[in-house]
Amino acid sequence: MKNDNILDVNTKSRLSADVTFLMLKGAGYAAIVVLGIWFFIAAFAAVGRALPEEARMAPDPINRPAPAVEAVAEPMPDEPVTDEVVPVAD
């Protein structure tokens, strides 16, 4: 087996150094991922701020159905809307 112990440290210190290095390496990878996501969101926010005010107030391009509150207030389409009173047979 090849001896990589150039610094002539004991095995317990070497193990601690290797574990510390691996933890710092993992933290570095996590920092790269988090910063990458943050830059992606920041780019979208910058594009949103660069748009003119009229574009920000434009209606939503997706054709969504009306809210349920408005649908309840309107009469059902299959019920005729009349003003005459229909007598009820006893």
C-alpha atoms as a PDB file:
ATOM      1  CA  MET A   1       0.000   0.000   0.000  1.00  0.00           C
ATOM      2  CA  LYS A   2       1.262   3.437  -0.900  1.00  0.00           C
ATOM      3  CA  ASN A   3       2.169   5.681   2.034  1.00  0.00           C
ATOM      4  CA  ASP A   4       0.626   9.160   1.481  1.00  0.00           C
ATOM      5  CA  ASN A   5       1.679  10.392   4.895  1.00  0.00           C
ATOM      6  CA  ILE A   6       4.004  13.144   3.658  1.00  0.00           C
ATOM      7  CA  LEU A   7       3.562  15.361   6.720  1.00  0.00           C
ATOM      8  CA  ASP A   8       4.308  12.479   9.086  1.00  0.00           C
ATOM      9  CA  VAL A   9       1.153  12.921  11.206  1.00  0.00           C
ATOM     10  CA  ASN A  10      -0.412  10.149  13.222  1.00  0.00           C
ATOM     11  CA  THR A  11      -3.451   8.323  11.885  1.00  0.00           C
ATOM     12  CA  LYS A  12      -5.963   9.925  14.277  1.00  0.00           C
ATOM     13  CA  SER A  13      -4.939  13.453  13.266  1.00  0.00           C
ATOM     14  CA  ARG A  14      -4.981  12.441   9.619  1.00  0.00           C
ATOM     15  CA  LEU A  15      -8.495  11.027   9.967  1.00  0.00           C
ATOM     16  CA  SER A  16      -9.694  14.252  11.618  1.00  0.00           C
ATOM     17  CA  ALA A  17      -8.113  16.316   8.841  1.00  0.00           C
ATOM     18  CA  ASP A  18      -9.690  14.155   6.117  1.00  0.00           C
ATOM     19  CA  VAL A  19     -13.138  14.345   7.709  1.00  0.00           C
ATOM     20  CA  THR A  20     -12.827  18.115   8.149  1.00  0.00           C
ATOM     21  CA  PHE A  21     -11.766  18.509   4.518  1.00  0.00           C
ATOM     22  CA  LEU A  22     -14.691  16.400   3.275  1.00  0.00           C
ATOM     23  CA  MET A  23     -17.188  18.364   5.378  1.00  0.00           C
ATOM     24  CA  LEU A  24     -15.819  21.673   4.063  1.00  0.00           C
ATOM     25  CA  LYS A  25     -15.937  20.303   0.511  1.00  0.00           C
ATOM     26  CA  GLY A  26     -19.615  19.336   0.959  1.00  0.00           C
ATOM     27  CA  ALA A  27     -20.395  22.748   2.451  1.00  0.00           C
ATOM     28  CA  GLY A  28     -18.734  24.349  -0.577  1.00  0.00           C
ATOM     29  CA  TYR A  29     -20.884  22.307  -2.963  1.00  0.00           C
ATOM     30  CA  ALA A  30     -24.009  23.257  -0.997  1.00  0.00           C
ATOM     31  CA  ALA A  31     -23.001  26.926  -1.112  1.00  0.00           C
ATOM     32  CA  ILE A  32     -22.557  26.720  -4.886  1.00  0.00           C
ATOM     33  CA  VAL A  33     -26.033  25.200  -5.310  1.00  0.00           C
ATOM     34  CA  VAL A  34     -27.694  27.735  -2.999  1.00  0.00           C
ATOM     35  CA  LEU A  35     -25.941  30.695  -4.625  1.00  0.00           C
ATOM     36  CA  GLY A  36     -26.812  29.351  -8.081  1.00  0.00           C
ATOM     37  CA  ILE A  37     -30.507  29.213  -7.160  1.00  0.00           C
ATOM     38  CA  TRP A  38     -30.282  32.689  -5.611  1.00  0.00           C
ATOM     39  CA  PHE A  39     -28.691  34.137  -8.767  1.00  0.00           C
ATOM     40  CA  PHE A  40     -31.399  32.488 -10.892  1.00  0.00           C
ATOM     41  CA  ILE A  41     -34.147  34.117  -8.781  1.00  0.00           C
ATOM     42  CA  ALA A  42     -32.277  37.445  -8.744  1.00  0.00           C
ATOM     43  CA  ALA A  43     -32.078  37.389 -12.559  1.00  0.00           C
ATOM     44  CA  PHE A  44     -35.855  36.912 -12.813  1.00  0.00           C
ATOM     45  CA  ALA A  45     -36.402  39.747 -10.334  1.00  0.00           C
ATOM     46  CA  ALA A  46     -34.082  42.024 -12.319  1.00  0.00           C
ATOM     47  CA  VAL A  47     -35.988  41.289 -15.537  1.00  0.00           C
ATOM     48  CA  GLY A  48     -39.249  42.014 -13.708  1.00  0.00           C
ATOM     49  CA  ARG A  49     -37.936  45.354 -12.461  1.00  0.00           C
ATOM     50  CA  ALA A  50     -36.694  46.238 -15.965  1.00  0.00           C
ATOM     51  CA  LEU A  51     -40.181  45.870 -17.466  1.00  0.00           C
ATOM     52  CA  PRO A  52     -42.235  49.035 -17.948  1.00  0.00           C
ATOM     53  CA  GLU A  53     -45.033  49.788 -15.500  1.00  0.00           C
ATOM     54  CA  GLU A  54     -47.725  49.032 -18.119  1.00  0.00           C
ATOM     55  CA  ALA A  55     -46.425  45.487 -18.506  1.00  0.00           C
ATOM     56  CA  ARG A  56     -46.637  44.931 -14.756  1.00  0.00           C
ATOM     57  CA  MET A  57     -50.289  45.984 -14.654  1.00  0.00           C
ATOM     58  CA  ALA A  58     -51.346  43.942 -17.698  1.00  0.00           C
ATOM     59  CA  PRO A  59     -54.040  41.300 -17.172  1.00  0.00           C
ATOM     60  CA  ASP A  60     -53.000  37.729 -16.649  1.00  0.00           C
ATOM     61  CA  PRO A  61     -52.424  36.030 -20.035  1.00  0.00           C
ATOM     62  CA  ILE A  62     -53.791  32.706 -18.776  1.00  0.00           C
ATOM     63  CA  ASN A  63     -57.534  32.337 -19.331  1.00  0.00           C
ATOM     64  CA  ARG A  64     -58.709  31.381 -15.864  1.00  0.00           C
ATOM     65  CA  PRO A  65     -62.344  30.818 -14.867  1.00  0.00           C
ATOM     66  CA  ALA A  66     -64.180  33.495 -12.912  1.00  0.00           C
ATOM     67  CA  PRO A  67     -63.973  33.265  -9.120  1.00  0.00           C
ATOM     68  CA  ALA A  68     -66.612  31.165  -7.384  1.00  0.00           C
ATOM     69  CA  VAL A  69     -68.105  34.231  -5.651  1.00  0.00           C
ATOM     70  CA  GLU A  70     -69.173  35.733  -8.967  1.00  0.00           C
ATOM     71  CA  ALA A  71     -70.476  32.401 -10.282  1.00  0.00           C
ATOM     72  CA  VAL A  72     -72.796  31.981  -7.278  1.00  0.00           C
ATOM     73  CA  ALA A  73     -74.299  35.454  -7.693  1.00  0.00           C
ATOM     74  CA  GLU A  74     -75.289  34.808 -11.324  1.00  0.00           C
ATOM     75  CA  PRO A  75     -78.344  32.680 -12.209  1.00  0.00           C
ATOM     76  CA  MET A  76     -77.804  29.199 -13.564  1.00  0.00           C
ATOM     77  CA  PRO A  77     -77.943  29.112 -17.389  1.00  0.00           C
ATOM     78  CA  ASP A  78     -80.588  26.346 -17.599  1.00  0.00           C
ATOM     79  CA  GLU A  79     -83.021  28.183 -15.273  1.00  0.00           C
ATOM     80  CA  PRO A  80     -85.199  30.732 -17.080  1.00  0.00           C
ATOM     81  CA  VAL A  81     -85.075  34.190 -15.571  1.00  0.00           C
ATOM     82  CA  THR A  82     -88.628  35.580 -15.486  1.00  0.00           C
ATOM     83  CA  ASP A  83     -90.555  38.081 -13.405  1.00  0.00           C
ATOM     84  CA  GLU A  84     -93.866  36.202 -13.421  1.00  0.00           C
ATOM     85  CA  VAL A  85     -95.018  34.310 -10.344  1.00  0.00           C
ATOM     86  CA  VAL A  86     -95.761  30.627 -10.872  1.00  0.00           C
ATOM     87  CA  PRO A  87     -98.572  29.348  -8.629  1.00  0.00           C
ATOM     88  CA  VAL A  88     -97.782  26.243  -6.620  1.00  0.00           C
ATOM     89  CA  ALA A  89    -100.457  23.494  -6.634  1.00  0.00           C
ATOM     90  CA  ASP A  90    -101.413  22.160  -3.209  1.00  0.00           C
END
